PDB file of N, CA and C in Angstrom:
ATOM      1  N   MET A   1      76.588  -6.765 174.798  1.00  0.00           N
ATOM      2  CA  MET A   1      76.340  -8.159 174.446  1.00  0.00           C
ATOM      3  C   MET A   1      77.627  -8.961 174.262  1.00  0.00           C
ATOM      4  N   LEU A   2      78.718  -8.266 173.937  1.00  0.00           N
ATOM      5  CA  LEU A   2      79.974  -8.983 173.737  1.00  0.00           C
ATOM      6  C   LEU A   2      80.355  -9.772 174.990  1.00  0.00           C
ATOM      7  N   GLU A   3      80.153  -9.170 176.156  1.00  0.00           N
ATOM      8  CA  GLU A   3      80.483  -9.860 177.407  1.00  0.00           C
ATOM      9  C   GLU A   3      79.642 -11.133 177.558  1.00  0.00           C
ATOM     10  N   THR A   4      78.373 -11.053 177.196  1.00  0.00           N
ATOM     11  CA  THR A   4      77.486 -12.214 177.276  1.00  0.00           C
ATOM     12  C   THR A   4      77.986 -13.320 176.359  1.00  0.00           C
ATOM     13  N   TYR A   5      78.328 -12.970 175.124  1.00  0.00           N
ATOM     14  CA  TYR A   5      78.834 -13.982 174.191  1.00  0.00           C
ATOM     15  C   TYR A   5      80.162 -14.566 174.668  1.00  0.00           C
ATOM     16  N   ARG A   6      81.024 -13.746 175.221  1.00  0.00           N
ATOM     17  CA  ARG A   6      82.299 -14.265 175.747  1.00  0.00           C
ATOM     18  C   ARG A   6      82.056 -15.244 176.887  1.00  0.00           C
ATOM     19  N   PHE A   7      81.086 -14.924 177.738  1.00  0.00           N
ATOM     20  CA  PHE A   7      80.751 -15.805 178.854  1.00  0.00           C
ATOM     21  C   PHE A   7      80.197 -17.137 178.332  1.00  0.00           C
ATOM     22  N   LEU A   8      79.277 -17.086 177.377  1.00  0.00           N
ATOM     23  CA  LEU A   8      78.718 -18.309 176.801  1.00  0.00           C
ATOM     24  C   LEU A   8      79.796 -19.114 176.079  1.00  0.00           C
ATOM     25  N   GLU A   9      80.711 -18.416 175.435  1.00  0.00           N
ATOM     26  CA  GLU A   9      81.827 -19.086 174.765  1.00  0.00           C
ATOM     27  C   GLU A   9      82.700 -19.815 175.791  1.00  0.00           C
ATOM     28  N   SER A  10      82.920 -19.214 176.945  1.00  0.00           N
ATOM     29  CA  SER A  10      83.739 -19.862 177.973  1.00  0.00           C
ATOM     30  C   SER A  10      83.066 -21.142 178.477  1.00  0.00           C
ATOM     31  N   ILE A  11      81.750 -21.151 178.530  1.00  0.00           N
ATOM     32  CA  ILE A  11      81.031 -22.368 178.920  1.00  0.00           C
ATOM     33  C   ILE A  11      81.208 -23.437 177.845  1.00  0.00           C
ATOM     34  N   ALA A  12      81.015 -23.065 176.592  1.00  0.00           N
ATOM     35  CA  ALA A  12      81.154 -24.032 175.493  1.00  0.00           C
ATOM     36  C   ALA A  12      82.547 -24.655 175.484  1.00  0.00           C
ATOM     37  N   ARG A  13      83.557 -23.868 175.742  1.00  0.00           N
ATOM     38  CA  ARG A  13      84.939 -24.365 175.705  1.00  0.00           C
ATOM     39  C   ARG A  13      85.218 -25.401 176.790  1.00  0.00           C
ATOM     40  N   GLN A  14      84.386 -25.460 177.811  1.00  0.00           N
ATOM     41  CA  GLN A  14      84.555 -26.459 178.867  1.00  0.00           C
ATOM     42  C   GLN A  14      84.227 -27.869 178.362  1.00  0.00           C
ATOM     43  N   PHE A  15      83.528 -27.953 177.240  1.00  0.00           N
ATOM     44  CA  PHE A  15      83.124 -29.240 176.691  1.00  0.00           C
ATOM     45  C   PHE A  15      84.143 -29.691 175.637  1.00  0.00           C
ATOM     46  N   LYS A  16      85.386 -29.803 176.092  1.00  0.00           N
ATOM     47  CA  LYS A  16      86.529 -30.090 175.218  1.00  0.00           C
ATOM     48  C   LYS A  16      86.400 -31.396 174.439  1.00  0.00           C
ATOM     49  N   GLU A  17      85.678 -32.355 174.993  1.00  0.00           N
ATOM     50  CA  GLU A  17      85.568 -33.646 174.315  1.00  0.00           C
ATOM     51  C   GLU A  17      84.720 -33.587 173.037  1.00  0.00           C
ATOM     52  N   VAL A  18      83.939 -32.515 172.871  1.00  0.00           N
ATOM     53  CA  VAL A  18      83.119 -32.398 171.658  1.00  0.00           C
ATOM     54  C   VAL A  18      83.348 -31.109 170.878  1.00  0.00           C
ATOM     55  N   VAL A  19      83.996 -30.117 171.480  1.00  0.00           N
ATOM     56  CA  VAL A  19      84.200 -28.813 170.848  1.00  0.00           C
ATOM     57  C   VAL A  19      85.590 -28.731 170.227  1.00  0.00           C
ATOM     58  N   LEU A  20      85.635 -28.406 168.935  1.00  0.00           N
ATOM     59  CA  LEU A  20      86.913 -28.194 168.260  1.00  0.00           C
ATOM     60  C   LEU A  20      87.351 -26.738 168.359  1.00  0.00           C
ATOM     61  N   GLU A  21      86.425 -25.823 168.110  1.00  0.00           N
ATOM     62  CA  GLU A  21      86.752 -24.398 168.058  1.00  0.00           C
ATOM     63  C   GLU A  21      85.496 -23.583 168.346  1.00  0.00           C
ATOM     64  N   THR A  22      85.712 -22.401 168.905  1.00  0.00           N
ATOM     65  CA  THR A  22      84.610 -21.454 169.103  1.00  0.00           C
ATOM     66  C   THR A  22      85.049 -20.090 168.598  1.00  0.00           C
ATOM     67  N   ARG A  23      84.070 -19.313 168.151  1.00  0.00           N
ATOM     68  CA  ARG A  23      84.377 -17.940 167.749  1.00  0.00           C
ATOM     69  C   ARG A  23      83.098 -17.112 167.777  1.00  0.00           C
ATOM     70  N   ILE A  24      83.269 -15.861 168.087  1.00  0.00           N
ATOM     71  CA  ILE A  24      82.154 -14.931 168.072  1.00  0.00           C
ATOM     72  C   ILE A  24      82.142 -14.267 166.706  1.00  0.00           C
ATOM     73  N   ILE A  25      81.069 -14.458 165.987  1.00  0.00           N
ATOM     74  CA  ILE A  25      80.929 -13.861 164.655  1.00  0.00           C
ATOM     75  C   ILE A  25      80.312 -12.480 164.829  1.00  0.00           C
ATOM     76  N   LYS A  26      80.951 -11.496 164.205  1.00  0.00           N
ATOM     77  CA  LYS A  26      80.510 -10.111 164.369  1.00  0.00           C
ATOM     78  C   LYS A  26      79.904  -9.538 163.100  1.00  0.00           C
ATOM     79  N   LEU A  27      79.022  -8.583 163.288  1.00  0.00           N
ATOM     80  CA  LEU A  27      78.438  -7.826 162.190  1.00  0.00           C
ATOM     81  C   LEU A  27      79.473  -6.840 161.660  1.00  0.00           C
ATOM     82  N   PRO A  28      79.282  -6.261 160.475  1.00  0.00           N
ATOM     83  CA  PRO A  28      80.220  -5.247 159.974  1.00  0.00           C
ATOM     84  C   PRO A  28      80.419  -4.078 160.957  1.00  0.00           C
ATOM     85  N   SER A  29      79.417  -3.820 161.778  1.00  0.00           N
ATOM     86  CA  SER A  29      79.516  -2.741 162.765  1.00  0.00           C
ATOM     87  C   SER A  29      80.429  -3.096 163.937  1.00  0.00           C
ATOM     88  N   GLY A  30      80.803  -4.369 164.032  1.00  0.00           N
ATOM     89  CA  GLY A  30      81.633  -4.817 165.147  1.00  0.00           C
ATOM     90  C   GLY A  30      80.823  -5.433 166.281  1.00  0.00           C
ATOM     91  N   GLU A  31      79.509  -5.298 166.216  1.00  0.00           N
ATOM     92  CA  GLU A  31      78.643  -5.902 167.238  1.00  0.00           C
ATOM     93  C   GLU A  31      78.594  -7.418 167.038  1.00  0.00           C
ATOM     94  N   PRO A  32      78.519  -8.180 168.132  1.00  0.00           N
ATOM     95  CA  PRO A  32      78.441  -9.632 167.980  1.00  0.00           C
ATOM     96  C   PRO A  32      77.110 -10.061 167.367  1.00  0.00           C
ATOM     97  N   ALA A  33      77.164 -10.994 166.444  1.00  0.00           N
ATOM     98  CA  ALA A  33      75.966 -11.524 165.802  1.00  0.00           C
ATOM     99  C   ALA A  33      75.560 -12.859 166.410  1.00  0.00           C
ATOM    100  N   LYS A  34      76.572 -13.713 166.691  1.00  0.00           N
ATOM    101  CA  LYS A  34      76.300 -15.027 167.263  1.00  0.00           C
ATOM    102  C   LYS A  34      77.607 -15.695 167.664  1.00  0.00           C
ATOM    103  N   LEU A  35      77.476 -16.744 168.406  1.00  0.00           N
ATOM    104  CA  LEU A  35      78.604 -17.590 168.790  1.00  0.00           C
ATOM    105  C   LEU A  35      78.553 -18.835 167.918  1.00  0.00           C
ATOM    106  N   ARG A  36      79.647 -19.149 167.256  1.00  0.00           N
ATOM    107  CA  ARG A  36      79.745 -20.354 166.419  1.00  0.00           C
ATOM    108  C   ARG A  36      80.622 -21.361 167.157  1.00  0.00           C
ATOM    109  N   ILE A  37      80.153 -22.600 167.213  1.00  0.00           N
ATOM    110  CA  ILE A  37      80.876 -23.680 167.875  1.00  0.00           C
ATOM    111  C   ILE A  37      81.057 -24.806 166.862  1.00  0.00           C
ATOM    112  N   ASP A  38      82.298 -25.115 166.528  1.00  0.00           N
ATOM    113  CA  ASP A  38      82.592 -26.217 165.624  1.00  0.00           C
ATOM    114  C   ASP A  38      82.758 -27.481 166.458  1.00  0.00           C
ATOM    115  N   LEU A  39      82.120 -28.564 166.013  1.00  0.00           N
ATOM    116  CA  LEU A  39      82.063 -29.793 166.801  1.00  0.00           C
ATOM    117  C   LEU A  39      82.818 -30.940 166.134  1.00  0.00           C
ATOM    118  N   ILE A  40      83.131 -31.953 166.924  1.00  0.00           N
ATOM    119  CA  ILE A  40      83.997 -33.045 166.479  1.00  0.00           C
ATOM    120  C   ILE A  40      83.435 -33.887 165.348  1.00  0.00           C
ATOM    121  N   ASP A  41      82.134 -33.863 165.139  1.00  0.00           N
ATOM    122  CA  ASP A  41      81.542 -34.690 164.089  1.00  0.00           C
ATOM    123  C   ASP A  41      81.417 -33.952 162.757  1.00  0.00           C
ATOM    124  N   GLY A  42      81.963 -32.732 162.678  1.00  0.00           N
ATOM    125  CA  GLY A  42      81.869 -31.945 161.457  1.00  0.00           C
ATOM    126  C   GLY A  42      80.663 -31.026 161.428  1.00  0.00           C
ATOM    127  N   SER A  43      79.850 -31.063 162.465  1.00  0.00           N
ATOM    128  CA  SER A  43      78.693 -30.175 162.555  1.00  0.00           C
ATOM    129  C   SER A  43      79.082 -28.902 163.304  1.00  0.00           C
ATOM    130  N   PHE A  44      78.111 -27.992 163.425  1.00  0.00           N
ATOM    131  CA  PHE A  44      78.356 -26.767 164.169  1.00  0.00           C
ATOM    132  C   PHE A  44      77.104 -26.354 164.920  1.00  0.00           C
ATOM    133  N   ALA A  45      77.317 -25.537 165.930  1.00  0.00           N
ATOM    134  CA  ALA A  45      76.201 -24.970 166.693  1.00  0.00           C
ATOM    135  C   ALA A  45      76.340 -23.457 166.663  1.00  0.00           C
ATOM    136  N   ASP A  46      75.216 -22.784 166.535  1.00  0.00           N
ATOM    137  CA  ASP A  46      75.166 -21.328 166.604  1.00  0.00           C
ATOM    138  C   ASP A  46      74.289 -20.930 167.785  1.00  0.00           C
ATOM    139  N   VAL A  47      74.791 -19.993 168.561  1.00  0.00           N
ATOM    140  CA  VAL A  47      74.045 -19.484 169.706  1.00  0.00           C
ATOM    141  C   VAL A  47      73.815 -17.999 169.483  1.00  0.00           C
ATOM    142  N   TRP A  48      72.561 -17.605 169.586  1.00  0.00           N
ATOM    143  CA  TRP A  48      72.180 -16.197 169.427  1.00  0.00           C
ATOM    144  C   TRP A  48      71.311 -15.806 170.602  1.00  0.00           C
ATOM    145  N   VAL A  49      71.674 -14.722 171.257  1.00  0.00           N
ATOM    146  CA  VAL A  49      70.882 -14.177 172.359  1.00  0.00           C
ATOM    147  C   VAL A  49      70.747 -12.673 172.165  1.00  0.00           C
ATOM    148  N   SER A  50      69.642 -12.125 172.657  1.00  0.00           N
ATOM    149  CA  SER A  50      69.434 -10.686 172.531  1.00  0.00           C
ATOM    150  C   SER A  50      69.166 -10.071 173.896  1.00  0.00           C
ATOM    151  N   VAL A  51      69.329  -8.772 173.969  1.00  0.00           N
ATOM    152  CA  VAL A  51      69.076  -8.069 175.225  1.00  0.00           C
ATOM    153  C   VAL A  51      67.604  -8.160 175.619  1.00  0.00           C
ATOM    154  N   SER A  52      66.728  -8.373 174.658  1.00  0.00           N
ATOM    155  CA  SER A  52      65.297  -8.454 174.948  1.00  0.00           C
ATOM    156  C   SER A  52      64.869  -9.827 175.465  1.00  0.00           C
ATOM    157  N   GLY A  53      65.805 -10.786 175.477  1.00  0.00           N
ATOM    158  CA  GLY A  53      65.469 -12.115 175.975  1.00  0.00           C
ATOM    159  C   GLY A  53      65.195 -13.153 174.906  1.00  0.00           C
ATOM    160  N   LYS A  54      65.232 -12.762 173.653  1.00  0.00           N
ATOM    161  CA  LYS A  54      65.078 -13.731 172.563  1.00  0.00           C
ATOM    162  C   LYS A  54      66.351 -14.576 172.485  1.00  0.00           C
ATOM    163  N   TYR A  55      66.193 -15.831 172.055  1.00  0.00           N
ATOM    164  CA  TYR A  55      67.363 -16.706 171.960  1.00  0.00           C
ATOM    165  C   TYR A  55      67.150 -17.799 170.922  1.00  0.00           C
ATOM    166  N   SER A  56      68.265 -18.353 170.489  1.00  0.00           N
ATOM    167  CA  SER A  56      68.267 -19.521 169.622  1.00  0.00           C
ATOM    168  C   SER A  56      69.556 -20.287 169.883  1.00  0.00           C
ATOM    169  N   TYR A  57      69.402 -21.555 170.244  1.00  0.00           N
ATOM    170  CA  TYR A  57      70.524 -22.469 170.412  1.00  0.00           C
ATOM    171  C   TYR A  57      70.346 -23.529 169.324  1.00  0.00           C
ATOM    172  N   HIS A  58      71.069 -23.372 168.239  1.00  0.00           N
ATOM    173  CA  HIS A  58      70.842 -24.156 167.020  1.00  0.00           C
ATOM    174  C   HIS A  58      72.040 -25.061 166.731  1.00  0.00           C
ATOM    175  N   TRP A  59      71.791 -26.358 166.690  1.00  0.00           N
ATOM    176  CA  TRP A  59      72.824 -27.339 166.344  1.00  0.00           C
ATOM    177  C   TRP A  59      72.505 -27.853 164.949  1.00  0.00           C
ATOM    178  N   ASP A  60      73.366 -27.541 164.006  1.00  0.00           N
ATOM    179  CA  ASP A  60      73.134 -27.861 162.605  1.00  0.00           C
ATOM    180  C   ASP A  60      73.951 -29.083 162.206  1.00  0.00           C
ATOM    181  N   ARG A  61      73.256 -30.198 161.998  1.00  0.00           N
ATOM    182  CA  ARG A  61      73.901 -31.437 161.568  1.00  0.00           C
ATOM    183  C   ARG A  61      73.456 -31.799 160.154  1.00  0.00           C
ATOM    184  N   SER A  62      72.968 -30.805 159.418  1.00  0.00           N
ATOM    185  CA  SER A  62      72.416 -31.073 158.088  1.00  0.00           C
ATOM    186  C   SER A  62      73.444 -31.688 157.144  1.00  0.00           C
ATOM    187  N   GLU A  63      74.706 -31.333 157.291  1.00  0.00           N
ATOM    188  CA  GLU A  63      75.749 -31.892 156.424  1.00  0.00           C
ATOM    189  C   GLU A  63      76.233 -33.260 156.916  1.00  0.00           C
ATOM    190  N   VAL A  64      75.887 -33.626 158.148  1.00  0.00           N
ATOM    191  CA  VAL A  64      76.321 -34.899 158.723  1.00  0.00           C
ATOM    192  C   VAL A  64      75.262 -35.978 158.496  1.00  0.00           C
ATOM    193  N   ASP A  65      74.037 -35.696 158.955  1.00  0.00           N
ATOM    194  CA  ASP A  65      72.976 -36.699 158.820  1.00  0.00           C
ATOM    195  C   ASP A  65      71.599 -36.096 158.497  1.00  0.00           C
ATOM    196  N   GLY A  66      71.596 -34.813 158.117  1.00  0.00           N
ATOM    197  CA  GLY A  66      70.349 -34.177 157.716  1.00  0.00           C
ATOM    198  C   GLY A  66      69.475 -33.671 158.849  1.00  0.00           C
ATOM    199  N   THR A  67      70.009 -33.656 160.069  1.00  0.00           N
ATOM    200  CA  THR A  67      69.194 -33.230 161.213  1.00  0.00           C
ATOM    201  C   THR A  67      69.597 -31.855 161.727  1.00  0.00           C
ATOM    202  N   ILE A  68      68.677 -31.269 162.474  1.00  0.00           N
ATOM    203  CA  ILE A  68      68.936 -30.035 163.219  1.00  0.00           C
ATOM    204  C   ILE A  68      68.272 -30.179 164.592  1.00  0.00           C
ATOM    205  N   TYR A  69      68.829 -29.491 165.541  1.00  0.00           N
ATOM    206  CA  TYR A  69      68.234 -29.404 166.871  1.00  0.00           C
ATOM    207  C   TYR A  69      68.268 -27.932 167.242  1.00  0.00           C
ATOM    208  N   ARG A  70      67.141 -27.402 167.732  1.00  0.00           N
ATOM    209  CA  ARG A  70      67.156 -25.988 168.089  1.00  0.00           C
ATOM    210  C   ARG A  70      66.166 -25.684 169.203  1.00  0.00           C
ATOM    211  N   TYR A  71      66.706 -25.047 170.218  1.00  0.00           N
ATOM    212  CA  TYR A  71      65.879 -24.434 171.250  1.00  0.00           C
ATOM    213  C   TYR A  71      65.723 -22.972 170.857  1.00  0.00           C
ATOM    214  N   ASP A  72      64.498 -22.471 170.833  1.00  0.00           N
ATOM    215  CA  ASP A  72      64.318 -21.039 170.609  1.00  0.00           C
ATOM    216  C   ASP A  72      62.977 -20.584 171.179  1.00  0.00           C
ATOM    217  N   ASN A  73      62.790 -19.282 171.179  1.00  0.00           N
ATOM    218  CA  ASN A  73      61.542 -18.731 171.696  1.00  0.00           C
ATOM    219  C   ASN A  73      60.880 -17.777 170.711  1.00  0.00           C
ATOM    220  N   ALA A  74      61.068 -18.048 169.417  1.00  0.00           N
ATOM    221  CA  ALA A  74      60.353 -17.287 168.398  1.00  0.00           C
ATOM    222  C   ALA A  74      58.872 -17.665 168.497  1.00  0.00           C
ATOM    223  N   PRO A  75      57.982 -16.690 168.609  1.00  0.00           N
ATOM    224  CA  PRO A  75      56.564 -16.985 168.869  1.00  0.00           C
ATOM    225  C   PRO A  75      55.755 -17.358 167.628  1.00  0.00           C
ATOM    226  N   HIS A  76      56.164 -18.416 166.958  1.00  0.00           N
ATOM    227  CA  HIS A  76      55.428 -18.865 165.774  1.00  0.00           C
ATOM    228  C   HIS A  76      54.074 -19.438 166.204  1.00  0.00           C
ATOM    229  N   LYS A  77      53.003 -18.922 165.634  1.00  0.00           N
ATOM    230  CA  LYS A  77      51.655 -19.329 166.035  1.00  0.00           C
ATOM    231  C   LYS A  77      51.404 -20.819 165.854  1.00  0.00           C
ATOM    232  N   VAL A  78      52.075 -21.429 164.904  1.00  0.00           N
ATOM    233  CA  VAL A  78      51.872 -22.858 164.658  1.00  0.00           C
ATOM    234  C   VAL A  78      52.233 -23.703 165.880  1.00  0.00           C
ATOM    235  N   TRP A  79      53.103 -23.180 166.750  1.00  0.00           N
ATOM    236  CA  TRP A  79      53.511 -23.921 167.949  1.00  0.00           C
ATOM    237  C   TRP A  79      52.774 -23.422 169.203  1.00  0.00           C
ATOM    238  N   SER A  80      51.752 -22.608 169.047  1.00  0.00           N
ATOM    239  CA  SER A  80      51.067 -22.002 170.199  1.00  0.00           C
ATOM    240  C   SER A  80      50.347 -23.023 171.080  1.00  0.00           C
ATOM    241  N   HIS A  81      50.130 -24.230 170.583  1.00  0.00           N
ATOM    242  CA  HIS A  81      49.485 -25.268 171.391  1.00  0.00           C
ATOM    243  C   HIS A  81      50.422 -25.877 172.435  1.00  0.00           C
ATOM    244  N   LEU A  82      51.709 -25.636 172.316  1.00  0.00           N
ATOM    245  CA  LEU A  82      52.673 -26.190 173.276  1.00  0.00           C
ATOM    246  C   LEU A  82      52.541 -25.507 174.626  1.00  0.00           C
ATOM    247  N   THR A  83      52.655 -26.273 175.684  1.00  0.00           N
ATOM    248  CA  THR A  83      52.512 -25.701 177.030  1.00  0.00           C
ATOM    249  C   THR A  83      53.632 -24.723 177.368  1.00  0.00           C
ATOM    250  N   THR A  84      54.767 -24.831 176.682  1.00  0.00           N
ATOM    251  CA  THR A  84      55.903 -23.940 176.961  1.00  0.00           C
ATOM    252  C   THR A  84      55.988 -22.773 175.982  1.00  0.00           C
ATOM    253  N   PHE A  85      54.971 -22.629 175.112  1.00  0.00           N
ATOM    254  CA  PHE A  85      54.967 -21.557 174.104  1.00  0.00           C
ATOM    255  C   PHE A  85      55.255 -20.206 174.748  1.00  0.00           C
ATOM    256  N   PRO A  86      56.146 -19.380 174.143  1.00  0.00           N
ATOM    257  CA  PRO A  86      56.774 -19.540 172.829  1.00  0.00           C
ATOM    258  C   PRO A  86      58.050 -20.383 172.839  1.00  0.00           C
ATOM    259  N   HIS A  87      58.455 -20.860 173.990  1.00  0.00           N
ATOM    260  CA  HIS A  87      59.673 -21.670 174.097  1.00  0.00           C
ATOM    261  C   HIS A  87      59.384 -23.062 173.529  1.00  0.00           C
ATOM    262  N   HIS A  88      60.281 -23.528 172.653  1.00  0.00           N
ATOM    263  CA  HIS A  88      60.084 -24.830 172.031  1.00  0.00           C
ATOM    264  C   HIS A  88      61.415 -25.419 171.564  1.00  0.00           C
ATOM    265  N   PHE A  89      61.360 -26.677 171.146  1.00  0.00           N
ATOM    266  CA  PHE A  89      62.549 -27.409 170.730  1.00  0.00           C
ATOM    267  C   PHE A  89      62.275 -28.112 169.401  1.00  0.00           C
ATOM    268  N   HIS A  90      63.110 -27.835 168.418  1.00  0.00           N
ATOM    269  CA  HIS A  90      63.053 -28.517 167.128  1.00  0.00           C
ATOM    270  C   HIS A  90      63.895 -29.790 167.268  1.00  0.00           C
ATOM    271  N   ASP A  91      63.246 -30.926 167.193  1.00  0.00           N
ATOM    272  CA  ASP A  91      63.875 -32.208 167.475  1.00  0.00           C
ATOM    273  C   ASP A  91      64.163 -32.980 166.187  1.00  0.00           C
ATOM    274  N   LYS A  92      65.331 -32.840 165.671  1.00  0.00           N
ATOM    275  CA  LYS A  92      65.857 -33.483 164.463  1.00  0.00           C
ATOM    276  C   LYS A  92      65.435 -32.802 163.172  1.00  0.00           C
ATOM    277  N   TYR A  93      64.217 -32.288 163.116  1.00  0.00           N
ATOM    278  CA  TYR A  93      63.723 -31.677 161.893  1.00  0.00           C
ATOM    279  C   TYR A  93      63.018 -30.370 162.210  1.00  0.00           C
ATOM    280  N   GLU A  94      63.040 -29.461 161.276  1.00  0.00           N
ATOM    281  CA  GLU A  94      62.459 -28.130 161.456  1.00  0.00           C
ATOM    282  C   GLU A  94      61.003 -28.193 161.911  1.00  0.00           C
ATOM    283  N   LYS A  95      60.243 -29.135 161.380  1.00  0.00           N
ATOM    284  CA  LYS A  95      58.809 -29.197 161.677  1.00  0.00           C
ATOM    285  C   LYS A  95      58.443 -30.174 162.781  1.00  0.00           C
ATOM    286  N   THR A  96      59.437 -30.835 163.367  1.00  0.00           N
ATOM    287  CA  THR A  96      59.187 -31.710 164.513  1.00  0.00           C
ATOM    288  C   THR A  96      59.502 -30.907 165.768  1.00  0.00           C
ATOM    289  N   VAL A  97      58.473 -30.370 166.387  1.00  0.00           N
ATOM    290  CA  VAL A  97      58.654 -29.438 167.503  1.00  0.00           C
ATOM    291  C   VAL A  97      57.936 -29.953 168.744  1.00  0.00           C
ATOM    292  N   ILE A  98      58.651 -29.871 169.872  1.00  0.00           N
ATOM    293  CA  ILE A  98      58.090 -30.307 171.154  1.00  0.00           C
ATOM    294  C   ILE A  98      58.308 -29.205 172.193  1.00  0.00           C
ATOM    295  N   GLU A  99      57.731 -29.424 173.383  1.00  0.00           N
ATOM    296  CA  GLU A  99      57.922 -28.485 174.481  1.00  0.00           C
ATOM    297  C   GLU A  99      59.406 -28.350 174.802  1.00  0.00           C
ATOM    298  N   SER A 100      59.767 -27.191 175.287  1.00  0.00           N
ATOM    299  CA  SER A 100      61.154 -26.925 175.670  1.00  0.00           C
ATOM    300  C   SER A 100      61.356 -27.225 177.150  1.00  0.00           C
ATOM    301  N   ASP A 101      62.500 -27.816 177.454  1.00  0.00           N
ATOM    302  CA  ASP A 101      62.880 -28.025 178.848  1.00  0.00           C
ATOM    303  C   ASP A 101      64.092 -27.159 179.206  1.00  0.00           C
ATOM    304  N   LEU A 102      64.316 -26.120 178.409  1.00  0.00           N
ATOM    305  CA  LEU A 102      65.468 -25.243 178.617  1.00  0.00           C
ATOM    306  C   LEU A 102      65.204 -24.304 179.795  1.00  0.00           C
ATOM    307  N   PRO A 103      66.173 -24.158 180.697  1.00  0.00           N
ATOM    308  CA  PRO A 103      66.007 -23.214 181.808  1.00  0.00           C
ATOM    309  C   PRO A 103      65.910 -21.773 181.297  1.00  0.00           C
ATOM    310  N   SER A 104      65.580 -20.853 182.169  1.00  0.00           N
ATOM    311  CA  SER A 104      65.372 -19.465 181.740  1.00  0.00           C
ATOM    312  C   SER A 104      66.645 -18.613 181.747  1.00  0.00           C
ATOM    313  N   GLU A 105      67.676 -18.998 182.486  1.00  0.00           N
ATOM    314  CA  GLU A 105      68.897 -18.198 182.566  1.00  0.00           C
ATOM    315  C   GLU A 105      69.887 -18.611 181.479  1.00  0.00           C
ATOM    316  N   PRO A 106      70.492 -17.624 180.775  1.00  0.00           N
ATOM    317  CA  PRO A 106      71.434 -17.949 179.686  1.00  0.00           C
ATOM    318  C   PRO A 106      72.557 -18.906 180.090  1.00  0.00           C
ATOM    319  N   GLU A 107      73.100 -18.756 181.280  1.00  0.00           N
ATOM    320  CA  GLU A 107      74.178 -19.651 181.708  1.00  0.00           C
ATOM    321  C   GLU A 107      73.694 -21.092 181.754  1.00  0.00           C
ATOM    322  N   MET A 108      72.530 -21.307 182.354  1.00  0.00           N
ATOM    323  CA  MET A 108      71.981 -22.651 182.464  1.00  0.00           C
ATOM    324  C   MET A 108      71.503 -23.168 181.104  1.00  0.00           C
ATOM    325  N   GLN A 109      71.019 -22.270 180.255  1.00  0.00           N
ATOM    326  CA  GLN A 109      70.633 -22.659 178.892  1.00  0.00           C
ATOM    327  C   GLN A 109      71.837 -23.210 178.144  1.00  0.00           C
ATOM    328  N   MET A 110      72.940 -22.477 178.236  1.00  0.00           N
ATOM    329  CA  MET A 110      74.150 -22.880 177.514  1.00  0.00           C
ATOM    330  C   MET A 110      74.664 -24.221 178.023  1.00  0.00           C
ATOM    331  N   LYS A 111      74.669 -24.406 179.320  1.00  0.00           N
ATOM    332  CA  LYS A 111      75.138 -25.670 179.889  1.00  0.00           C
ATOM    333  C   LYS A 111      74.260 -26.827 179.444  1.00  0.00           C
ATOM    334  N   LYS A 112      72.952 -26.654 179.486  1.00  0.00           N
ATOM    335  CA  LYS A 112      72.035 -27.716 179.074  1.00  0.00           C
ATOM    336  C   LYS A 112      72.207 -28.034 177.591  1.00  0.00           C
ATOM    337  N   PHE A 113      72.331 -27.002 176.771  1.00  0.00           N
ATOM    338  CA  PHE A 113      72.533 -27.188 175.329  1.00  0.00           C
ATOM    339  C   PHE A 113      73.815 -27.974 175.064  1.00  0.00           C
ATOM    340  N   MET A 114      74.892 -27.589 175.704  1.00  0.00           N
ATOM    341  CA  MET A 114      76.161 -28.274 175.488  1.00  0.00           C
ATOM    342  C   MET A 114      76.134 -29.688 176.050  1.00  0.00           C
ATOM    343  N   GLU A 115      75.441 -29.896 177.154  1.00  0.00           N
ATOM    344  CA  GLU A 115      75.304 -31.253 177.695  1.00  0.00           C
ATOM    345  C   GLU A 115      74.511 -32.136 176.735  1.00  0.00           C
ATOM    346  N   PHE A 116      73.488 -31.563 176.092  1.00  0.00           N
ATOM    347  CA  PHE A 116      72.712 -32.294 175.100  1.00  0.00           C
ATOM    348  C   PHE A 116      73.610 -32.702 173.926  1.00  0.00           C
ATOM    349  N   ILE A 117      74.429 -31.784 173.456  1.00  0.00           N
ATOM    350  CA  ILE A 117      75.346 -32.084 172.355  1.00  0.00           C
ATOM    351  C   ILE A 117      76.324 -33.179 172.770  1.00  0.00           C
ATOM    352  N   ARG A 118      76.919 -33.025 173.949  1.00  0.00           N
ATOM    353  CA  ARG A 118      77.894 -34.031 174.416  1.00  0.00           C
ATOM    354  C   ARG A 118      77.251 -35.406 174.525  1.00  0.00           C
ATOM    355  N   LYS A 119      76.077 -35.475 175.129  1.00  0.00           N
ATOM    356  CA  LYS A 119      75.395 -36.763 175.295  1.00  0.00           C
ATOM    357  C   LYS A 119      75.067 -37.385 173.946  1.00  0.00           C
ATOM    358  N   THR A 120      74.622 -36.577 173.007  1.00  0.00           N
ATOM    359  CA  THR A 120      74.259 -37.078 171.677  1.00  0.00           C
ATOM    360  C   THR A 120      75.497 -37.590 170.929  1.00  0.00           C
ATOM    361  N   LEU A 121      76.607 -36.885 171.039  1.00  0.00           N
ATOM    362  CA  LEU A 121      77.811 -37.265 170.296  1.00  0.00           C
ATOM    363  C   LEU A 121      78.618 -38.386 170.950  1.00  0.00           C
ATOM    364  N   THR A 122      78.575 -38.458 172.271  1.00  0.00           N
ATOM    365  CA  THR A 122      79.432 -39.446 172.947  1.00  0.00           C
ATOM    366  C   THR A 122      78.652 -40.616 173.533  1.00  0.00           C
ATOM    367  N   GLY A 123      77.333 -40.549 173.452  1.00  0.00           N
ATOM    368  CA  GLY A 123      76.491 -41.646 173.950  1.00  0.00           C
ATOM    369  C   GLY A 123      76.406 -41.584 175.415  1.00  0.00           C
TER     370      GLY A 123
END
């Protein structure tokens, strides 16, 4: 998984106009836990992917304006009515959830996520 996180980190670093720093956060065992991306507005994004295909692309702006944005595929039954279930998007708030438009490949997921961040921060 380290190679996957390094690859996703290299994509994030291409968005220099909004990214201040990136780092792979590791578990005590040395295994990667997630990719942390520090952003120009004082917020951060965490990216978590697993070998089984689970993922979370979480942009935490709670300290900036109280919002969060997250693409993930946790199969919460409350969102089972969505046409893209279990894939969904938390839009500004934890309980405001809509269909996901995230592609299925991690590379394209990361690019779309970072493009969303760039567009939101730079207009």
